[in-house]
PDB file of N, CA and C in Angstrom:
ATOM      1  N   UNK A   1     157.890 -33.486  15.830  1.00  0.00           N
ATOM      2  CA  UNK A   1     158.706 -33.207  14.560  1.00  0.00           C
ATOM      3  C   UNK A   1     159.089 -34.457  13.673  1.00  0.00           C
ATOM      4  N   UNK A   2     159.433 -34.221  12.686  1.00  0.00           N
ATOM      5  CA  UNK A   2     159.665 -35.492  11.606  1.00  0.00           C
ATOM      6  C   UNK A   2     161.194 -35.287  11.135  1.00  0.00           C
ATOM      7  N   UNK A   3     161.832 -36.231  11.052  1.00  0.00           N
ATOM      8  CA  UNK A   3     163.047 -36.258  10.389  1.00  0.00           C
ATOM      9  C   UNK A   3     163.054 -37.043   8.960  1.00  0.00           C
ATOM     10  N   UNK A   4     164.359 -37.019   8.298  1.00  0.00           N
ATOM     11  CA  UNK A   4     164.290 -37.622   7.001  1.00  0.00           C
ATOM     12  C   UNK A   4     164.511 -39.063   7.178  1.00  0.00           C
ATOM     13  N   UNK A   5     164.869 -39.729   8.189  1.00  0.00           N
ATOM     14  CA  UNK A   5     165.195 -41.237   8.394  1.00  0.00           C
ATOM     15  C   UNK A   5     163.825 -41.884   8.089  1.00  0.00           C
ATOM     16  N   UNK A   6     164.061 -43.138   7.652  1.00  0.00           N
ATOM     17  CA  UNK A   6     162.923 -44.226   7.443  1.00  0.00           C
ATOM     18  C   UNK A   6     162.367 -44.596   8.718  1.00  0.00           C
ATOM     19  N   UNK A   7     161.335 -44.651   8.901  1.00  0.00           N
ATOM     20  CA  UNK A   7     160.657 -45.091  10.047  1.00  0.00           C
ATOM     21  C   UNK A   7     161.337 -46.762  10.431  1.00  0.00           C
ATOM     22  N   UNK A   8     161.735 -47.016  11.820  1.00  0.00           N
ATOM     23  CA  UNK A   8     162.289 -48.186  12.268  1.00  0.00           C
ATOM     24  C   UNK A   8     161.245 -49.292  12.332  1.00  0.00           C
ATOM     25  N   UNK A   9     160.899 -49.866  11.438  1.00  0.00           N
ATOM     26  CA  UNK A   9     159.900 -50.928  11.385  1.00  0.00           C
ATOM     27  C   UNK A   9     159.992 -52.258  12.529  1.00  0.00           C
ATOM     28  N   UNK A  10     161.460 -52.384  12.671  1.00  0.00           N
ATOM     29  CA  UNK A  10     161.768 -53.431  13.833  1.00  0.00           C
ATOM     30  C   UNK A  10     161.153 -52.749  15.224  1.00  0.00           C
ATOM     31  N   UNK A  11     161.248 -51.574  15.296  1.00  0.00           N
ATOM     32  CA  UNK A  11     161.036 -51.059  16.769  1.00  0.00           C
ATOM     33  C   UNK A  11     159.202 -50.706  16.646  1.00  0.00           C
ATOM     34  N   UNK A  12     158.672 -50.452  15.625  1.00  0.00           N
ATOM     35  CA  UNK A  12     157.267 -50.297  15.842  1.00  0.00           C
ATOM     36  C   UNK A  12     156.412 -51.119  15.215  1.00  0.00           C
ATOM     37  N   UNK A  13     156.934 -52.026  14.465  1.00  0.00           N
ATOM     38  CA  UNK A  13     156.170 -53.055  13.798  1.00  0.00           C
ATOM     39  C   UNK A  13     155.594 -52.675  12.598  1.00  0.00           C
ATOM     40  N   UNK A  14     154.872 -53.377  11.567  1.00  0.00           N
ATOM     41  CA  UNK A  14     154.255 -52.934  10.396  1.00  0.00           C
ATOM     42  C   UNK A  14     152.960 -51.921  10.640  1.00  0.00           C
ATOM     43  N   UNK A  15     152.236 -52.430  11.533  1.00  0.00           N
ATOM     44  CA  UNK A  15     151.187 -51.845  11.917  1.00  0.00           C
ATOM     45  C   UNK A  15     151.553 -49.981  12.425  1.00  0.00           C
ATOM     46  N   UNK A  16     152.709 -50.060  13.174  1.00  0.00           N
ATOM     47  CA  UNK A  16     153.037 -48.711  13.923  1.00  0.00           C
ATOM     48  C   UNK A  16     153.655 -47.741  12.669  1.00  0.00           C
ATOM     49  N   UNK A  17     154.356 -48.751  11.733  1.00  0.00           N
ATOM     50  CA  UNK A  17     154.866 -47.731  10.589  1.00  0.00           C
ATOM     51  C   UNK A  17     153.895 -47.072   9.594  1.00  0.00           C
ATOM     52  N   UNK A  18     152.877 -48.209   9.359  1.00  0.00           N
ATOM     53  CA  UNK A  18     151.499 -47.693   8.648  1.00  0.00           C
ATOM     54  C   UNK A  18     151.036 -46.600   9.106  1.00  0.00           C
ATOM     55  N   UNK A  19     150.605 -46.660  10.640  1.00  0.00           N
ATOM     56  CA  UNK A  19     149.865 -45.492  11.278  1.00  0.00           C
ATOM     57  C   UNK A  19     150.716 -44.112  11.275  1.00  0.00           C
ATOM     58  N   UNK A  20     151.973 -44.221  11.576  1.00  0.00           N
ATOM     59  CA  UNK A  20     152.858 -43.151  11.636  1.00  0.00           C
ATOM     60  C   UNK A  20     152.818 -42.518  10.317  1.00  0.00           C
ATOM     61  N   UNK A  21     153.212 -43.248   9.272  1.00  0.00           N
ATOM     62  CA  UNK A  21     152.906 -42.659   7.760  1.00  0.00           C
ATOM     63  C   UNK A  21     151.826 -42.005   7.190  1.00  0.00           C
ATOM     64  N   UNK A  22     150.714 -42.609   7.838  1.00  0.00           N
ATOM     65  CA  UNK A  22     149.541 -42.014   7.856  1.00  0.00           C
ATOM     66  C   UNK A  22     149.344 -40.601   8.628  1.00  0.00           C
ATOM     67  N   UNK A  23     149.503 -40.756   9.564  1.00  0.00           N
ATOM     68  CA  UNK A  23     149.450 -39.627  10.519  1.00  0.00           C
ATOM     69  C   UNK A  23     150.344 -38.466   9.922  1.00  0.00           C
ATOM     70  N   UNK A  24     151.607 -38.811   9.333  1.00  0.00           N
ATOM     71  CA  UNK A  24     152.578 -38.042   8.955  1.00  0.00           C
ATOM     72  C   UNK A  24     151.838 -37.297   7.698  1.00  0.00           C
ATOM     73  N   UNK A  25     150.984 -37.908   6.652  1.00  0.00           N
ATOM     74  CA  UNK A  25     150.369 -37.328   5.551  1.00  0.00           C
ATOM     75  C   UNK A  25     149.484 -36.637   6.080  1.00  0.00           C
ATOM     76  N   UNK A  26     148.525 -37.050   7.017  1.00  0.00           N
ATOM     77  CA  UNK A  26     147.609 -36.060   7.349  1.00  0.00           C
ATOM     78  C   UNK A  26     148.267 -34.948   7.872  1.00  0.00           C
ATOM     79  N   UNK A  27     149.082 -34.871   8.785  1.00  0.00           N
ATOM     80  CA  UNK A  27     149.713 -33.437   9.406  1.00  0.00           C
ATOM     81  C   UNK A  27     150.123 -32.697   8.160  1.00  0.00           C
ATOM     82  N   UNK A  28     150.884 -33.065   7.211  1.00  0.00           N
ATOM     83  CA  UNK A  28     151.467 -32.414   6.111  1.00  0.00           C
ATOM     84  C   UNK A  28     150.244 -31.687   5.288  1.00  0.00           C
ATOM     85  N   UNK A  29     148.993 -32.488   4.964  1.00  0.00           N
ATOM     86  CA  UNK A  29     147.911 -31.946   4.522  1.00  0.00           C
ATOM     87  C   UNK A  29     147.371 -30.963   5.174  1.00  0.00           C
ATOM     88  N   UNK A  30     147.301 -31.193   6.338  1.00  0.00           N
ATOM     89  CA  UNK A  30     146.669 -29.770   7.379  1.00  0.00           C
ATOM     90  C   UNK A  30     147.403 -28.702   7.381  1.00  0.00           C
ATOM     91  N   UNK A  31     148.849 -28.807   7.146  1.00  0.00           N
ATOM     92  CA  UNK A  31     149.774 -27.892   7.267  1.00  0.00           C
ATOM     93  C   UNK A  31     149.456 -27.097   6.006  1.00  0.00           C
ATOM     94  N   UNK A  32     149.668 -27.692   4.703  1.00  0.00           N
ATOM     95  CA  UNK A  32     149.277 -27.192   3.536  1.00  0.00           C
ATOM     96  C   UNK A  32     148.031 -26.253   3.177  1.00  0.00           C
ATOM     97  N   UNK A  33     146.986 -26.910   3.998  1.00  0.00           N
ATOM     98  CA  UNK A  33     145.555 -26.211   3.773  1.00  0.00           C
ATOM     99  C   UNK A  33     145.648 -24.962   4.861  1.00  0.00           C
ATOM    100  N   UNK A  34     146.343 -24.633   5.514  1.00  0.00           N
ATOM    101  CA  UNK A  34     146.383 -23.698   6.725  1.00  0.00           C
ATOM    102  C   UNK A  34     146.053 -22.273   5.833  1.00  0.00           C
ATOM    103  N   UNK A  35     146.731 -22.096   4.844  1.00  0.00           N
ATOM    104  CA  UNK A  35     146.406 -20.789   3.963  1.00  0.00           C
ATOM    105  C   UNK A  35     145.256 -20.608   3.579  1.00  0.00           C
ATOM    106  N   UNK A  36     144.647 -21.897   3.072  1.00  0.00           N
ATOM    107  CA  UNK A  36     143.332 -21.843   2.482  1.00  0.00           C
ATOM    108  C   UNK A  36     141.949 -21.568   3.462  1.00  0.00           C
ATOM    109  N   UNK A  37     142.568 -22.064   4.915  1.00  0.00           N
ATOM    110  CA  UNK A  37     141.466 -21.785   6.100  1.00  0.00           C
ATOM    111  C   UNK A  37     141.622 -20.675   6.805  1.00  0.00           C
ATOM    112  N   UNK A  38     142.647 -19.843   6.461  1.00  0.00           N
ATOM    113  CA  UNK A  38     142.958 -18.414   7.182  1.00  0.00           C
ATOM    114  C   UNK A  38     141.866 -17.730   7.144  1.00  0.00           C
ATOM    115  N   UNK A  39     141.069 -17.628   6.147  1.00  0.00           N
ATOM    116  CA  UNK A  39     139.981 -16.353   5.846  1.00  0.00           C
ATOM    117  C   UNK A  39     138.489 -17.239   6.728  1.00  0.00           C
ATOM    118  N   UNK A  40     138.676 -18.547   7.104  1.00  0.00           N
ATOM    119  CA  UNK A  40     137.436 -19.253   7.574  1.00  0.00           C
ATOM    120  C   UNK A  40     137.099 -18.333   8.753  1.00  0.00           C
ATOM    121  N   UNK A  41     138.001 -18.072   9.493  1.00  0.00           N
ATOM    122  CA  UNK A  41     137.723 -17.498  10.855  1.00  0.00           C
ATOM    123  C   UNK A  41     136.942 -16.087  10.829  1.00  0.00           C
ATOM    124  N   UNK A  42     137.057 -15.439   9.865  1.00  0.00           N
ATOM    125  CA  UNK A  42     136.652 -14.155   9.791  1.00  0.00           C
ATOM    126  C   UNK A  42     135.086 -14.140   9.507  1.00  0.00           C
TER     127      UNK A  42
END
C-alpha cells in the first residue's frame, strides 16, 4: 500500500526513491488497466 507522504530520500537514497516512484507509477497504471483487460480472459 502507498501513503500520501513523500519518499524519505535519506532512508532509501536517490536511486531507491526513483525506483519506488517508477514502481508506484507502474502499479497505478496496471490498476487503471484492469477494466480494459477484464474481457481478455474470456
